[in-house]
Amino acid sequence: MASNNYRHNTISLTATIYYPFHPMQGRELRVTSRSRNPELPVTVVDENGTGLRLPAWMVAPEAAHYQLAEQATLDVQTLRALAALLIPLLDDGLAGEENRSNPCMRREGRLCHDIENKSPLGRSTAGRHR
């Protein structure tokens, strides 16, 4: 009688690291574990027997096409998320001094204004209704 805990192994036995900036790029490694969730890491074993957890996107063939750009481009939503992470770090608690440490709170600081009022193409969205 088969065990209820039996796990049907339908995973590929090997995975190639396609991400061009990984030190093991191009190597085909034995897969020991792969989640059904494609967002979770893949566990592989290198030539020395060391287990490595790799983001699943690094072993996807599309990753071979990733390139560095001379200038980074981020959409407005990503810039807002980044600002939300950085602003609390920049605020050193000097709220009584016009938040001089926080560029979004300084009168001369344009960071948050620019993030709020630029579209992904760099066009102003000031005055537009959403």
Protein backbone atom coordinates (compact mmCIF):
# COMPACT_ATOMS: atom_id res chain seq x y z
CA MET A 1 0.00 0.00 0.00
CA ALA A 2 1.42 3.40 -0.96
CA SER A 3 2.10 5.94 1.74
CA ASN A 4 -0.06 9.06 1.87
CA ASN A 5 3.16 11.06 2.24
CA TYR A 6 4.54 9.81 -1.08
CA ARG A 7 5.55 12.78 -3.18
CA HIS A 8 5.39 12.30 -6.90
CA ASN A 9 8.68 13.62 -8.29
CA THR A 10 7.96 15.42 -11.54
CA ILE A 11 10.73 17.99 -11.23
CA SER A 12 13.52 18.25 -13.72
CA LEU A 13 16.62 16.43 -12.54
CA THR A 14 18.87 19.33 -13.49
CA ALA A 15 18.68 23.10 -13.80
CA THR A 16 20.90 25.47 -15.70
CA ILE A 17 21.76 28.84 -14.19
CA TYR A 18 20.89 31.27 -16.97
CA TYR A 19 21.31 34.53 -15.05
CA PRO A 20 24.43 36.08 -16.65
CA PHE A 21 25.68 37.75 -13.48
CA HIS A 22 25.70 34.63 -11.28
CA PRO A 23 29.22 33.22 -10.78
CA MET A 24 27.96 29.77 -11.81
CA GLN A 25 26.16 31.01 -14.95
CA GLY A 26 25.90 28.33 -17.62
CA ARG A 27 26.40 25.41 -15.25
CA GLU A 28 23.90 22.59 -15.17
CA LEU A 29 23.31 21.45 -11.59
CA ARG A 30 21.33 18.64 -10.03
CA VAL A 31 18.00 19.77 -8.54
CA THR A 32 17.17 18.39 -5.10
CA SER A 33 14.04 20.43 -4.42
CA ARG A 34 11.69 22.65 -6.38
CA SER A 35 8.48 24.10 -4.99
CA ARG A 36 5.23 24.01 -6.92
CA ASN A 37 5.18 27.75 -6.35
CA PRO A 38 7.36 29.27 -9.11
CA GLU A 39 8.17 32.26 -6.89
CA LEU A 40 10.09 30.12 -4.37
CA PRO A 41 13.76 29.14 -4.66
CA VAL A 42 15.09 26.02 -6.33
CA THR A 43 17.56 23.91 -4.35
CA VAL A 44 20.45 22.51 -6.34
CA VAL A 45 23.71 20.71 -5.54
CA ASP A 46 26.96 21.98 -7.04
CA GLU A 47 29.92 19.87 -8.18
CA ASN A 48 31.32 19.80 -4.62
CA GLY A 49 28.05 18.50 -3.16
CA THR A 50 27.13 21.83 -1.59
CA GLY A 51 23.43 22.66 -1.56
CA LEU A 52 22.49 26.04 -3.00
CA ARG A 53 19.13 27.81 -2.97
CA LEU A 54 18.64 29.85 -6.12
CA PRO A 55 15.78 32.18 -6.98
CA ALA A 56 13.67 30.30 -9.53
CA TRP A 57 13.95 33.15 -12.03
CA MET A 58 17.73 32.57 -12.26
CA VAL A 59 17.17 29.11 -13.74
CA ALA A 60 14.52 30.30 -16.19
CA PRO A 61 15.82 30.64 -19.77
CA GLU A 62 14.49 34.23 -19.91
CA ALA A 63 17.13 35.24 -17.33
CA ALA A 64 19.84 34.79 -19.99
CA HIS A 65 18.63 38.02 -21.60
CA TYR A 66 19.01 40.24 -18.52
CA GLN A 67 21.45 43.07 -19.12
CA LEU A 68 22.90 46.03 -17.33
CA ALA A 69 21.72 49.39 -18.56
CA GLU A 70 23.68 52.60 -18.58
CA GLN A 71 20.76 54.31 -16.86
CA ALA A 72 18.28 52.61 -14.56
CA THR A 73 14.60 53.10 -15.22
CA LEU A 74 12.00 52.53 -12.54
CA ASP A 75 8.27 53.00 -12.72
CA VAL A 76 6.51 55.46 -10.40
CA GLN A 77 5.10 52.70 -8.19
CA THR A 78 8.61 51.32 -7.58
CA LEU A 79 9.99 54.79 -6.84
CA ARG A 80 7.19 55.41 -4.34
CA ALA A 81 7.90 52.08 -2.63
CA LEU A 82 11.60 52.98 -2.47
CA ALA A 83 10.80 56.42 -1.04
CA ALA A 84 8.53 54.81 1.58
CA LEU A 85 11.46 52.63 2.67
CA LEU A 86 14.04 55.40 2.69
CA ILE A 87 12.13 58.34 4.18
CA PRO A 88 11.89 56.83 7.69
CA LEU A 89 15.61 56.08 7.57
CA LEU A 90 16.41 59.65 6.58
CA ASP A 91 14.27 61.13 9.34
CA ASP A 92 16.57 61.27 12.35
CA GLY A 93 13.86 62.50 14.68
CA LEU A 94 14.45 66.24 14.34
CA ALA A 95 10.77 66.95 13.64
CA GLY A 96 11.02 70.32 15.41
CA GLU A 97 13.65 71.53 12.95
CA GLU A 98 11.60 71.28 9.75
CA ASN A 99 12.81 67.70 9.30
CA ARG A 100 16.06 68.96 7.77
CA SER A 101 17.37 65.39 7.58
CA ASN A 102 14.39 64.33 5.48
CA PRO A 103 14.68 65.62 1.90
CA CYS A 104 10.93 65.24 1.39
CA MET A 105 10.22 67.60 4.26
CA ARG A 106 12.78 70.30 3.40
CA ARG A 107 11.50 73.21 1.37
CA GLU A 108 14.33 72.79 -1.12
CA GLY A 109 13.88 69.00 -1.27
CA ARG A 110 12.15 67.93 -4.49
CA LEU A 111 12.39 64.14 -4.08
CA CYS A 112 8.81 63.35 -3.01
CA HIS A 113 7.30 66.10 -5.11
CA ASP A 114 9.05 64.76 -8.19
CA ILE A 115 8.05 61.17 -7.44
CA GLU A 116 4.42 62.13 -6.89
CA ASN A 117 4.19 64.33 -9.98
CA LYS A 118 6.02 62.39 -12.70
CA SER A 119 4.63 59.68 -14.90
CA PRO A 120 6.76 56.66 -15.87
CA LEU A 121 7.76 58.56 -19.00
CA GLY A 122 8.93 61.59 -17.03
CA ARG A 123 5.88 63.71 -17.93
CA SER A 124 4.30 65.78 -15.24
CA THR A 125 1.08 64.45 -13.77
CA ALA A 126 0.46 67.48 -11.56
CA GLY A 127 -3.14 68.56 -11.70
CA ARG A 128 -4.37 65.32 -13.29
CA HIS A 129 -7.16 63.38 -11.66
CA ARG A 130 -6.90 59.62 -11.39
